[in-house]
Amino acid sequence: MKRKLITQMLREWKANIWLILELVIVVLILQYLLGTLYALYRQHGYAGGQKLEDVYFADFGILQKDSEGYVEWDSIHTWQSDLGLLMTQLRGNQYVEVAAVGGFNSLPYNYNFMGNRYYYKTPDGKKSHEFTVNVRNMSPEMMEVLQMHGLKGETPKQLADILRKGEIVLGETEEPEDPDEPKALDAVGREVFSVNDSLASQRVGAATTGMRRNDYESLWHKTVYATLEPEQASMIAVRVKPGTGNRFLESLTDKDRQAGNVYLSNMESVSDMRDRAHLDINQAIRNFVICSLFIMLVIFLGFLGTFWFRTQQRVSEIAIRKVNGATNVDIYARFFSEGLIMLAMAAVISVPLAFWLFREESLRATLSLLELDNTMLAGGAIGTILVLGITIVCSIYAPARRATRIDPAAALKDM
């Protein structure tokens, strides 16, 4: 049967070639759409190393000299001492578990990047591959606020103690820009050097996960968590007891929000910051999903019509096969096999082509396509073949079932 089927398809190559070419184009389109949807799902499902529920933050400001309530500073009374007093007040709040001071990029969901290039010396004295880092400065307590854990099982408190010793914690990347760059765990216990200042070094005390700037972009660089200098402080963050966020906000009086000349601006949850950061991204994703579903619906209806018409045109062929003893199952199997063979032929061409096209940087830049790695493209290819396979089977089954119910004599009479 297989040999006869292939022979028949070759005899009808003029009709089949256009359908196969159509399938090639459709597979390319669907592979990108489904690969992108899979990528968005996988990226959004990345838990990261930070637990952000019940975390609140606020920037702080400093009163100007002409402001009401301003207190003159001296060698003892400084803005740092006022900030320390403010942190003491917050830690005394009945709902606060831990409070920390951070810099301008200590939390996720901001696009501030303080980049650097690091390397370390291997045991044999050689220089490791350089790697890009985003330096995030914070007080040690931030590890406890964000509930971060080390890759070797270190607790948030242990990571905080590492920062207190003046060491750094190195966050791992997801998709390194250089596949040869060392793993974060490989650097633990070693002195890392800045490319810009080879004389200055910092010891890596532990490795943890990196910190993304949003939920949809892969982390291509490592993260350095380091203790901030006093002049780098610009915000505070607190972790409150689970489920007490609203009560915490209600409990903050004007007195709680200010100490000397240092005051807090509006306190908000990191969850609200995440929603705000994702506002435009989520809208773009919704538009993409709607367009993708519409395109897939058009493709489904198009192939439904194409294969329905092809099957309807072959009613007499079905009648002849039934006269020659073919069962309904035989007829379904032949027509399904024909459609799926054409899909396989198209996939052999389009799937490798998609892996090349959608990994080509110039094409992605020209068409503004999302970067897809091999896993995402493979997921898109599998989804595409399944969707089109089901579409082809559904498109063939209904007209074939109807044709098998026609009396062979009547069908042959209409030839």
Protein backbone atom coordinates (compact mmCIF):
# COMPACT_ATOMS: atom_id res chain seq x y z
CA MET A 1 0.00 0.00 0.00
CA LYS A 2 2.82 2.40 0.89
CA ARG A 3 4.55 1.85 -2.47
CA LYS A 4 1.30 2.36 -4.40
CA LEU A 5 0.56 5.49 -2.37
CA ILE A 6 3.97 7.03 -3.10
CA THR A 7 3.62 6.11 -6.80
CA GLN A 8 0.22 7.79 -6.98
CA MET A 9 1.50 10.91 -5.23
CA LEU A 10 4.38 11.14 -7.70
CA ARG A 11 1.96 10.86 -10.62
CA GLU A 12 0.01 13.76 -9.14
CA TRP A 13 3.12 15.80 -8.32
CA LYS A 14 1.89 18.95 -10.09
CA ALA A 15 -1.13 19.14 -7.81
CA ASN A 16 0.80 18.06 -4.71
CA ILE A 17 3.84 20.30 -5.12
CA TRP A 18 1.85 23.49 -4.62
CA LEU A 19 0.21 22.10 -1.52
CA ILE A 20 3.60 21.04 -0.12
CA LEU A 21 5.02 24.52 -0.80
CA GLU A 22 2.01 26.01 0.95
CA LEU A 23 2.66 23.70 3.89
CA VAL A 24 6.33 24.79 3.98
CA ILE A 25 5.31 28.44 4.35
CA VAL A 26 2.64 27.63 6.91
CA VAL A 27 5.03 25.51 8.98
CA LEU A 28 7.54 28.39 9.05
CA ILE A 29 4.90 30.85 10.21
CA LEU A 30 3.38 28.53 12.79
CA GLN A 31 6.77 27.46 14.12
CA TYR A 32 7.64 31.07 14.86
CA LEU A 33 4.23 31.84 16.39
CA LEU A 34 4.09 28.72 18.56
CA GLY A 35 7.79 29.00 19.41
CA THR A 36 7.26 32.57 20.58
CA LEU A 37 4.18 31.64 22.63
CA TYR A 38 6.15 28.79 24.22
CA ALA A 39 9.05 31.16 24.89
CA LEU A 40 6.77 33.68 26.59
CA TYR A 41 5.20 30.94 28.69
CA ARG A 42 8.59 29.51 29.67
CA GLN A 43 10.11 32.91 30.42
CA HIS A 44 7.15 34.02 32.48
CA GLY A 45 7.30 30.74 34.39
CA TYR A 46 10.84 31.52 35.57
CA ALA A 47 10.58 31.77 39.33
CA GLY A 48 13.91 33.50 39.82
CA GLY A 49 15.68 33.48 43.13
CA GLN A 50 13.65 36.18 44.84
CA LYS A 51 10.38 35.84 46.73
CA LEU A 52 8.67 39.16 46.18
CA GLU A 53 5.33 38.65 47.89
CA ASP A 54 4.93 40.77 51.03
CA VAL A 55 7.84 43.01 50.03
CA TYR A 56 7.37 46.80 50.08
CA PHE A 57 9.75 49.57 49.11
CA ALA A 58 10.04 53.35 49.05
CA ASP A 59 12.56 55.90 47.88
CA PHE A 60 13.71 58.36 50.48
CA GLY A 61 14.41 62.07 50.19
CA ILE A 62 16.21 64.71 52.20
CA LEU A 63 14.66 67.98 53.36
CA GLN A 64 16.13 71.16 51.91
CA LYS A 65 17.35 73.90 54.22
CA ASP A 66 14.34 76.10 53.52
CA SER A 67 11.89 73.25 54.23
CA GLU A 68 9.66 73.22 57.29
CA GLY A 69 11.10 71.00 60.01
CA TYR A 70 14.65 71.06 58.64
CA VAL A 71 17.31 70.41 61.31
CA GLU A 72 20.87 71.65 60.88
CA TRP A 73 23.41 68.87 60.45
CA ASP A 74 26.74 68.66 62.20
CA SER A 75 29.52 66.12 62.61
CA ILE A 76 27.26 63.87 64.69
CA HIS A 77 23.87 64.55 63.18
CA THR A 78 24.15 63.59 59.48
CA TRP A 79 21.79 62.28 56.85
CA GLN A 80 23.27 58.81 57.42
CA SER A 81 22.38 58.98 61.11
CA ASP A 82 18.86 60.12 60.18
CA LEU A 83 18.55 57.21 57.76
CA GLY A 84 19.71 54.82 60.49
CA LEU A 85 17.07 56.20 62.84
CA LEU A 86 14.42 55.83 60.14
CA MET A 87 15.40 52.19 59.60
CA THR A 88 15.21 51.59 63.37
CA GLN A 89 11.67 53.00 63.37
CA LEU A 90 10.65 50.70 60.52
CA ARG A 91 12.19 47.63 62.14
CA GLY A 92 10.18 48.41 65.24
CA ASN A 93 6.90 48.18 63.31
CA GLN A 94 4.89 45.19 64.53
CA TYR A 95 4.32 43.95 60.98
CA VAL A 96 7.90 44.21 59.69
CA GLU A 97 10.08 41.08 59.66
CA VAL A 98 13.24 42.62 58.18
CA ALA A 99 14.22 45.93 56.56
CA ALA A 100 17.10 46.81 54.24
CA VAL A 101 18.65 49.74 52.42
CA GLY A 102 19.26 49.57 48.68
CA GLY A 103 20.66 51.45 45.75
CA PHE A 104 19.03 52.54 42.52
CA ASN A 105 18.95 48.99 41.08
CA SER A 106 18.70 46.74 44.13
CA LEU A 107 15.26 45.38 43.17
CA PRO A 108 14.03 43.69 40.01
CA TYR A 109 11.67 45.38 37.53
CA ASN A 110 13.92 48.32 36.83
CA TYR A 111 16.11 48.83 33.79
CA ASN A 112 19.11 50.42 35.49
CA PHE A 113 22.30 48.61 34.55
CA MET A 114 25.63 49.08 36.32
CA GLY A 115 27.76 46.88 34.13
CA ASN A 116 31.30 45.61 34.48
CA ARG A 117 33.51 42.82 33.15
CA TYR A 118 35.06 40.36 35.59
CA TYR A 119 37.46 37.42 35.49
CA TYR A 120 39.28 35.25 38.01
CA LYS A 121 42.51 33.28 38.17
CA THR A 122 42.25 29.51 37.73
CA PRO A 123 44.22 27.17 40.05
CA ASP A 124 47.00 26.97 37.48
CA GLY A 125 47.28 30.78 37.42
CA LYS A 126 45.57 31.31 34.09
CA LYS A 127 42.96 33.99 33.47
CA SER A 128 39.39 32.70 33.16
CA HIS A 129 37.04 33.80 30.40
CA GLU A 130 35.69 37.27 31.09
CA PHE A 131 32.02 37.63 31.94
CA THR A 132 29.62 40.57 32.07
CA VAL A 133 27.94 41.44 35.36
CA ASN A 134 25.30 43.85 36.57
CA VAL A 135 26.39 45.15 39.97
CA ARG A 136 23.52 45.51 42.44
CA ASN A 137 24.52 47.20 45.69
CA MET A 138 22.48 46.69 48.84
CA SER A 139 22.72 46.31 52.58
CA PRO A 140 23.17 42.67 53.69
CA GLU A 141 19.61 42.50 55.02
CA MET A 142 18.31 42.72 51.44
CA MET A 143 19.13 39.02 51.06
CA GLU A 144 16.60 38.32 53.82
CA VAL A 145 14.07 40.80 52.44
CA LEU A 146 14.16 39.04 49.05
CA GLN A 147 14.45 35.57 50.64
CA MET A 148 17.34 34.59 48.39
CA HIS A 149 19.04 31.20 48.70
CA GLY A 150 22.45 30.07 47.53
CA LEU A 151 22.98 27.45 44.86
CA LYS A 152 24.62 25.27 47.50
CA GLY A 153 21.69 25.63 49.88
CA GLU A 154 22.81 28.74 51.77
CA THR A 155 20.00 30.45 53.66
CA PRO A 156 19.14 34.15 53.22
CA LYS A 157 20.80 34.86 56.58
CA GLN A 158 23.99 33.07 55.52
CA LEU A 159 24.11 35.09 52.29
CA ALA A 160 23.61 38.26 54.33
CA ASP A 161 26.52 37.27 56.58
CA ILE A 162 28.71 36.80 53.48
CA LEU A 163 27.96 40.39 52.42
CA ARG A 164 28.70 41.60 55.95
CA LYS A 165 32.20 40.08 55.63
CA GLY A 166 32.81 42.27 52.60
CA GLU A 167 32.54 39.40 50.12
CA ILE A 168 30.20 39.35 47.13
CA VAL A 169 27.49 36.90 46.06
CA LEU A 170 27.53 36.02 42.37
CA GLY A 171 24.22 35.46 40.58
CA GLU A 172 24.11 32.98 37.71
CA THR A 173 22.95 33.81 34.21
CA GLU A 174 20.33 31.91 32.18
CA GLU A 175 21.66 32.37 28.66
CA PRO A 176 25.29 33.57 28.75
CA GLU A 177 26.43 35.75 25.87
CA ASP A 178 29.64 33.71 25.83
CA PRO A 179 29.05 29.93 26.08
CA ASP A 180 32.59 29.50 27.42
CA GLU A 181 32.20 31.83 30.36
CA PRO A 182 32.60 30.12 33.76
CA LYS A 183 29.70 29.11 35.95
CA ALA A 184 28.99 31.17 39.05
CA LEU A 185 29.71 28.17 41.25
CA ASP A 186 33.17 27.87 39.70
CA ALA A 187 34.04 31.33 41.04
CA VAL A 188 33.01 30.64 44.65
CA GLY A 189 36.00 30.98 46.96
CA ARG A 190 38.05 32.84 44.35
CA GLU A 191 39.09 36.45 43.97
CA VAL A 192 37.43 38.11 40.97
CA PHE A 193 39.03 41.06 39.23
CA SER A 194 37.49 43.92 37.29
CA VAL A 195 38.74 44.32 33.74
CA ASN A 196 38.81 48.07 34.36
CA ASP A 197 40.87 47.77 37.55
CA SER A 198 42.96 44.61 37.77
CA LEU A 199 44.45 45.69 41.11
CA ALA A 200 41.09 45.68 42.90
CA SER A 201 39.60 42.28 43.68
CA GLN A 202 36.62 40.87 45.55
CA ARG A 203 36.14 37.42 46.97
CA VAL A 204 33.09 35.45 45.87
CA GLY A 205 31.51 33.99 48.99
CA ALA A 206 28.55 32.20 47.40
CA ALA A 207 26.57 31.74 44.21
CA THR A 208 22.86 32.31 43.77
CA THR A 209 20.40 33.07 41.00
CA GLY A 210 20.59 36.27 39.00
CA MET A 211 18.06 39.08 39.03
CA ARG A 212 16.02 39.84 35.93
CA ARG A 213 14.71 43.25 34.97
CA ASN A 214 11.32 41.75 34.00
CA ASP A 215 9.60 38.37 33.79
CA TYR A 216 9.97 37.94 30.02
CA GLU A 217 13.60 38.63 29.19
CA SER A 218 16.22 35.97 29.77
CA LEU A 219 19.16 36.90 31.92
CA TRP A 220 22.22 37.04 29.64
CA HIS A 221 24.66 38.41 32.23
CA LYS A 222 25.63 37.48 35.75
CA THR A 223 24.63 39.54 38.79
CA VAL A 224 26.97 40.79 41.50
CA TYR A 225 25.33 41.37 44.87
CA ALA A 226 27.61 43.62 46.90
CA THR A 227 27.37 45.72 50.05
CA LEU A 228 26.57 49.31 49.16
CA GLU A 229 28.49 52.34 50.30
CA PRO A 230 26.51 54.87 52.38
CA GLU A 231 26.45 57.42 49.56
CA GLN A 232 24.87 54.83 47.23
CA ALA A 233 21.72 54.46 49.35
CA SER A 234 18.56 55.72 47.68
CA MET A 235 15.69 53.46 48.83
CA ILE A 236 14.53 51.11 51.54
CA ALA A 237 12.76 47.76 51.32
CA VAL A 238 10.92 45.78 53.98
CA ARG A 239 9.44 42.29 54.21
CA VAL A 240 6.26 42.21 56.23
CA LYS A 241 4.57 39.26 57.87
CA PRO A 242 2.56 37.22 55.33
CA GLY A 243 -0.79 38.77 54.51
CA THR A 244 -0.29 41.93 56.59
CA GLY A 245 0.61 44.34 53.78
CA ASN A 246 -2.49 46.52 54.04
CA ARG A 247 -2.28 46.69 57.83
CA PHE A 248 1.38 47.63 57.56
CA LEU A 249 0.62 50.53 55.21
CA GLU A 250 -2.24 51.71 57.44
CA SER A 251 0.01 51.58 60.50
CA LEU A 252 2.59 54.01 59.05
CA THR A 253 2.09 57.48 60.49
CA ASP A 254 3.78 60.66 59.30
CA LYS A 255 6.13 60.30 62.25
CA ASP A 256 7.08 56.77 61.14
CA ARG A 257 7.88 58.04 57.66
CA GLN A 258 10.44 60.64 58.75
CA ALA A 259 13.52 60.83 60.94
CA GLY A 260 15.30 64.17 61.15
CA ASN A 261 15.76 65.43 57.59
CA VAL A 262 15.23 62.02 55.91
CA TYR A 263 11.74 61.09 54.83
CA LEU A 264 10.07 58.31 52.85
CA SER A 265 8.13 58.88 49.68
CA ASN A 266 5.10 56.73 48.86
CA MET A 267 5.49 53.14 50.04
CA GLU A 268 4.31 50.52 47.53
CA SER A 269 4.53 46.78 47.04
CA VAL A 270 6.98 45.18 44.64
CA SER A 271 3.96 43.41 43.13
CA ASP A 272 2.54 46.80 42.11
CA MET A 273 5.92 47.78 40.68
CA ARG A 274 5.95 44.53 38.69
CA ASP A 275 2.47 45.20 37.29
CA ARG A 276 3.48 48.71 36.29
CA ALA A 277 6.71 47.51 34.67
CA HIS A 278 4.79 44.88 32.70
CA LEU A 279 1.94 47.14 31.60
CA ASP A 280 3.21 47.78 28.06
CA ILE A 281 4.74 44.30 27.76
CA ASN A 282 1.50 42.58 28.76
CA GLN A 283 -0.49 44.65 26.27
CA ALA A 284 1.94 43.75 23.49
CA ILE A 285 1.73 40.07 24.48
CA ARG A 286 -2.08 40.16 24.46
CA ASN A 287 -2.03 41.69 20.99
CA PHE A 288 0.45 39.05 19.81
CA VAL A 289 -1.63 36.20 21.24
CA ILE A 290 -4.82 37.52 19.63
CA CYS A 291 -3.09 37.93 16.25
CA SER A 292 -1.52 34.47 16.56
CA LEU A 293 -4.86 32.84 17.35
CA PHE A 294 -6.47 34.65 14.41
CA ILE A 295 -3.70 33.52 12.04
CA MET A 296 -3.98 29.94 13.29
CA LEU A 297 -7.76 30.05 12.80
CA VAL A 298 -7.31 31.28 9.21
CA ILE A 299 -4.75 28.52 8.58
CA PHE A 300 -7.10 25.91 10.05
CA LEU A 301 -10.03 27.06 7.92
CA GLY A 302 -7.81 27.29 4.83
CA PHE A 303 -6.54 23.75 5.15
CA LEU A 304 -9.99 22.52 6.10
CA GLY A 305 -11.29 23.89 2.81
CA THR A 306 -8.31 22.64 0.77
CA PHE A 307 -8.34 19.04 1.97
CA TRP A 308 -12.15 18.94 2.04
CA PHE A 309 -12.21 19.96 -1.62
CA ARG A 310 -9.46 17.47 -2.54
CA THR A 311 -11.33 14.63 -0.84
CA GLN A 312 -14.68 15.62 -2.38
CA GLN A 313 -13.08 15.57 -5.83
CA ARG A 314 -12.07 11.94 -5.31
CA VAL A 315 -15.48 10.43 -4.56
CA SER A 316 -15.26 8.24 -7.66
CA GLU A 317 -11.80 6.99 -6.56
CA ILE A 318 -13.29 6.05 -3.19
CA ALA A 319 -16.12 4.21 -4.95
CA ILE A 320 -13.67 2.20 -7.08
CA ARG A 321 -11.66 1.25 -4.00
CA LYS A 322 -14.82 0.10 -2.22
CA VAL A 323 -15.80 -2.00 -5.24
CA ASN A 324 -12.33 -3.58 -5.12
CA GLY A 325 -12.88 -4.57 -1.50
CA ALA A 326 -11.40 -1.66 0.44
CA THR A 327 -12.95 -1.04 3.86
CA ASN A 328 -13.73 2.38 5.30
CA VAL A 329 -10.66 2.04 7.55
CA ASP A 330 -8.50 1.34 4.49
CA ILE A 331 -9.80 4.47 2.78
CA TYR A 332 -9.31 6.65 5.86
CA ALA A 333 -5.78 5.30 6.33
CA ARG A 334 -4.85 6.01 2.70
CA PHE A 335 -6.13 9.57 2.69
CA PHE A 336 -4.72 10.35 6.15
CA SER A 337 -1.35 8.92 5.11
CA GLU A 338 -1.30 11.03 1.97
CA GLY A 339 -1.94 14.24 3.89
CA LEU A 340 0.54 13.43 6.67
CA ILE A 341 3.25 12.41 4.17
CA MET A 342 2.93 15.83 2.52
CA LEU A 343 3.17 17.45 5.96
CA ALA A 344 6.31 15.41 6.71
CA MET A 345 7.88 16.44 3.39
CA ALA A 346 7.14 20.08 4.15
CA ALA A 347 8.51 19.75 7.70
CA VAL A 348 11.78 18.25 6.43
CA ILE A 349 12.31 21.48 4.47
CA SER A 350 10.82 24.12 6.75
CA VAL A 351 11.93 23.04 10.24
CA PRO A 352 15.70 23.21 9.54
CA LEU A 353 15.06 26.41 7.55
CA ALA A 354 13.31 27.92 10.58
CA PHE A 355 16.23 27.02 12.86
CA TRP A 356 18.52 28.93 10.51
CA LEU A 357 16.25 31.89 9.72
CA PHE A 358 15.04 32.67 13.22
CA ARG A 359 18.53 32.41 14.70
CA GLU A 360 19.89 34.84 12.09
CA GLU A 361 20.46 38.18 13.83
CA SER A 362 20.09 40.34 10.71
CA LEU A 363 16.72 38.81 9.87
CA ARG A 364 15.46 39.17 13.44
CA ALA A 365 16.49 42.83 13.47
CA THR A 366 14.86 43.51 10.09
CA LEU A 367 11.55 41.84 10.99
CA SER A 368 11.67 42.76 14.72
CA LEU A 369 11.40 39.10 15.70
CA LEU A 370 11.86 37.80 19.22
CA GLU A 371 15.09 35.86 19.73
CA LEU A 372 14.31 32.15 20.06
CA ASP A 373 16.80 29.57 21.24
CA ASN A 374 16.90 26.00 19.92
CA THR A 375 14.66 24.69 22.70
CA MET A 376 11.97 27.27 21.89
CA LEU A 377 12.20 26.54 18.16
CA ALA A 378 12.02 22.80 18.86
CA GLY A 379 8.92 23.36 20.99
CA GLY A 380 7.42 25.44 18.19
CA ALA A 381 8.23 22.73 15.62
CA ILE A 382 6.60 19.99 17.70
CA GLY A 383 3.52 22.15 18.33
CA THR A 384 3.29 23.07 14.64
CA ILE A 385 3.43 19.46 13.43
CA LEU A 386 0.82 18.42 15.98
CA VAL A 387 -1.53 21.31 15.12
CA LEU A 388 -1.22 20.81 11.37
CA GLY A 389 -1.45 17.02 11.70
CA ILE A 390 -4.72 17.32 13.62
CA THR A 391 -5.97 19.94 11.15
CA ILE A 392 -5.24 17.70 8.16
CA VAL A 393 -6.88 14.65 9.78
CA CYS A 394 -10.00 16.69 10.68
CA SER A 395 -10.12 18.20 7.18
CA ILE A 396 -10.00 14.77 5.54
CA TYR A 397 -12.18 12.77 7.91
CA ALA A 398 -15.53 14.54 7.42
CA PRO A 399 -15.65 14.51 3.57
CA ALA A 400 -14.10 11.02 3.44
CA ARG A 401 -16.70 9.69 5.86
CA ARG A 402 -19.44 11.27 3.78
CA ALA A 403 -17.97 9.84 0.56
CA THR A 404 -17.76 6.30 1.98
CA ARG A 405 -21.51 6.40 2.64
CA ILE A 406 -22.33 7.07 -1.03
CA ASP A 407 -23.41 4.01 -2.99
CA PRO A 408 -20.47 3.07 -5.26
CA ALA A 409 -22.81 2.50 -8.22
CA ALA A 410 -24.27 6.00 -7.89
CA ALA A 411 -20.80 7.53 -7.52
CA LEU A 412 -19.48 5.75 -10.60
CA LYS A 413 -22.57 6.71 -12.58
CA ASP A 414 -21.78 10.41 -11.98
CA MET A 415 -18.22 10.05 -13.38
